[in-house]
Structure formats: C-alpha cells, structure tokens
C-alpha cells in the first residue's frame, strides 16, 4: 500500500499561549508542540540542544523555554 496525501492529515499551525505552559513539560507534550518524533526530541536532549531534567528515577521533563528557543530561525529565502 502506498501513502497518499489523504493518508497524512494536514496540520494547521497553532498559536501558542506560552504564558499558559508550565515551566517543565513531558516528552509527549514536546512532541505534540513541535510535531517531531520522540527520538528527535531525545536526540536533541542528548546533544545538549534542549535542556531537560530528571524528576525521580525515571521521569524526564523538558524546560519549556529551552524547547521554545530550540532551532534556527529562518530569516530569508537564502536560509532555506
């Protein structure tokens, strides 16, 4: 079975109220906000691109401000 445009729903950009976000979020929430996979977010944490903390032996929380600042802003067509 081949994938078609109908298979993948289009998503609209969401306007985020960053003041309403908590200071720390889960990886699942980070994935929902960015549209990236768990592994992409985990790799960014491992590379030091996103700051995260352990909250207990297993729980990992991402600093919201770090996630929102992550990435390179595109300022011109030459940046593409």
C-alpha atoms as a PDB file:
ATOM      1  CA  UNK A   1       0.000   0.000   0.000  1.00  0.00           C
ATOM      2  CA  UNK A   2       1.425   3.368  -0.942  1.00  0.00           C
ATOM      3  CA  UNK A   3       0.948   6.535   1.044  1.00  0.00           C
ATOM      4  CA  UNK A   4      -1.160   9.271  -0.461  1.00  0.00           C
ATOM      5  CA  UNK A   5      -1.855  12.823   0.564  1.00  0.00           C
ATOM      6  CA  UNK A   6      -5.146  11.626   2.057  1.00  0.00           C
ATOM      7  CA  UNK A   7      -3.254   9.234   4.340  1.00  0.00           C
ATOM      8  CA  UNK A   8      -1.435  12.027   6.151  1.00  0.00           C
ATOM      9  CA  UNK A   9      -3.731  14.715   7.546  1.00  0.00           C
ATOM     10  CA  UNK A  10      -2.537  18.272   7.239  1.00  0.00           C
ATOM     11  CA  UNK A  11      -1.993  20.127  10.473  1.00  0.00           C
ATOM     12  CA  UNK A  12      -2.536  23.796  10.995  1.00  0.00           C
ATOM     13  CA  UNK A  13      -0.064  25.899  12.878  1.00  0.00           C
ATOM     14  CA  UNK A  14      -1.305  26.536  16.364  1.00  0.00           C
ATOM     15  CA  UNK A  15      -0.929  29.859  18.112  1.00  0.00           C
ATOM     16  CA  UNK A  16       0.634  29.037  21.443  1.00  0.00           C
ATOM     17  CA  UNK A  17      -0.030  30.947  24.609  1.00  0.00           C
ATOM     18  CA  UNK A  18       3.447  30.415  26.022  1.00  0.00           C
ATOM     19  CA  UNK A  19       2.492  32.042  29.311  1.00  0.00           C
ATOM     20  CA  UNK A  20      -0.016  29.223  29.886  1.00  0.00           C
ATOM     21  CA  UNK A  21       2.618  26.487  29.501  1.00  0.00           C
ATOM     22  CA  UNK A  22       4.171  25.041  32.662  1.00  0.00           C
ATOM     23  CA  UNK A  23       7.923  25.509  33.225  1.00  0.00           C
ATOM     24  CA  UNK A  24       8.584  21.792  32.589  1.00  0.00           C
ATOM     25  CA  UNK A  25       6.813  19.521  30.095  1.00  0.00           C
ATOM     26  CA  UNK A  26       6.944  15.837  29.197  1.00  0.00           C
ATOM     27  CA  UNK A  27       8.478  14.484  26.017  1.00  0.00           C
ATOM     28  CA  UNK A  28       4.989  13.662  24.759  1.00  0.00           C
ATOM     29  CA  UNK A  29       3.886  17.280  25.128  1.00  0.00           C
ATOM     30  CA  UNK A  30       7.120  18.472  23.468  1.00  0.00           C
ATOM     31  CA  UNK A  31       6.413  16.164  20.534  1.00  0.00           C
ATOM     32  CA  UNK A  32       2.864  17.499  20.252  1.00  0.00           C
ATOM     33  CA  UNK A  33       4.101  21.091  20.279  1.00  0.00           C
ATOM     34  CA  UNK A  34       6.863  20.575  17.722  1.00  0.00           C
ATOM     35  CA  UNK A  35       5.387  17.832  15.551  1.00  0.00           C
ATOM     36  CA  UNK A  36       8.600  15.824  15.909  1.00  0.00           C
ATOM     37  CA  UNK A  37       9.126  12.232  16.985  1.00  0.00           C
ATOM     38  CA  UNK A  38      10.132  11.162  20.488  1.00  0.00           C
ATOM     39  CA  UNK A  39      13.543  10.173  19.158  1.00  0.00           C
ATOM     40  CA  UNK A  40      14.150  13.553  17.535  1.00  0.00           C
ATOM     41  CA  UNK A  41      13.408  15.259  20.850  1.00  0.00           C
ATOM     42  CA  UNK A  42      15.517  12.736  22.803  1.00  0.00           C
ATOM     43  CA  UNK A  43      18.431  13.190  20.387  1.00  0.00           C
ATOM     44  CA  UNK A  44      18.235  16.973  20.823  1.00  0.00           C
ATOM     45  CA  UNK A  45      18.357  16.497  24.608  1.00  0.00           C
ATOM     46  CA  UNK A  46      21.353  14.148  24.298  1.00  0.00           C
ATOM     47  CA  UNK A  47      23.133  16.678  22.051  1.00  0.00           C
ATOM     48  CA  UNK A  48      22.545  19.438  24.610  1.00  0.00           C
ATOM     49  CA  UNK A  49      20.288  21.418  22.260  1.00  0.00           C
ATOM     50  CA  UNK A  50      17.310  21.183  24.642  1.00  0.00           C
ATOM     51  CA  UNK A  51      17.679  21.326  28.417  1.00  0.00           C
ATOM     52  CA  UNK A  52      15.932  18.621  30.413  1.00  0.00           C
ATOM     53  CA  UNK A  53      15.942  17.307  33.985  1.00  0.00           C
ATOM     54  CA  UNK A  54      15.336  14.029  35.699  1.00  0.00           C
ATOM     55  CA  UNK A  55      12.464  14.210  38.162  1.00  0.00           C
ATOM     56  CA  UNK A  56      12.951  10.991  40.064  1.00  0.00           C
ATOM     57  CA  UNK A  57      14.488   7.787  38.796  1.00  0.00           C
ATOM     58  CA  UNK A  58      12.547   7.607  35.504  1.00  0.00           C
ATOM     59  CA  UNK A  59      10.656  10.828  34.826  1.00  0.00           C
ATOM     60  CA  UNK A  60      12.258  13.220  32.360  1.00  0.00           C
ATOM     61  CA  UNK A  61      10.976  16.786  31.985  1.00  0.00           C
ATOM     62  CA  UNK A  62      11.958  19.344  29.366  1.00  0.00           C
ATOM     63  CA  UNK A  63      12.439  23.023  30.163  1.00  0.00           C
ATOM     64  CA  UNK A  64       9.713  24.765  28.183  1.00  0.00           C
ATOM     65  CA  UNK A  65      11.799  27.876  27.491  1.00  0.00           C
ATOM     66  CA  UNK A  66      14.592  25.713  26.099  1.00  0.00           C
ATOM     67  CA  UNK A  67      12.188  23.887  23.773  1.00  0.00           C
ATOM     68  CA  UNK A  68      10.642  27.123  22.510  1.00  0.00           C
ATOM     69  CA  UNK A  69      14.079  28.624  21.809  1.00  0.00           C
ATOM     70  CA  UNK A  70      15.319  25.478  20.037  1.00  0.00           C
ATOM     71  CA  UNK A  71      16.043  25.536  16.322  1.00  0.00           C
ATOM     72  CA  UNK A  72      17.418  28.026  13.855  1.00  0.00           C
ATOM     73  CA  UNK A  73      15.025  30.762  12.791  1.00  0.00           C
ATOM     74  CA  UNK A  74      14.756  31.242   9.049  1.00  0.00           C
ATOM     75  CA  UNK A  75      15.246  34.903   8.250  1.00  0.00           C
ATOM     76  CA  UNK A  76      15.483  34.869   4.455  1.00  0.00           C
ATOM     77  CA  UNK A  77      14.987  32.661   1.436  1.00  0.00           C
ATOM     78  CA  UNK A  78      18.761  32.143   1.348  1.00  0.00           C
ATOM     79  CA  UNK A  79      18.488  30.353   4.717  1.00  0.00           C
ATOM     80  CA  UNK A  80      16.400  27.608   3.144  1.00  0.00           C
END
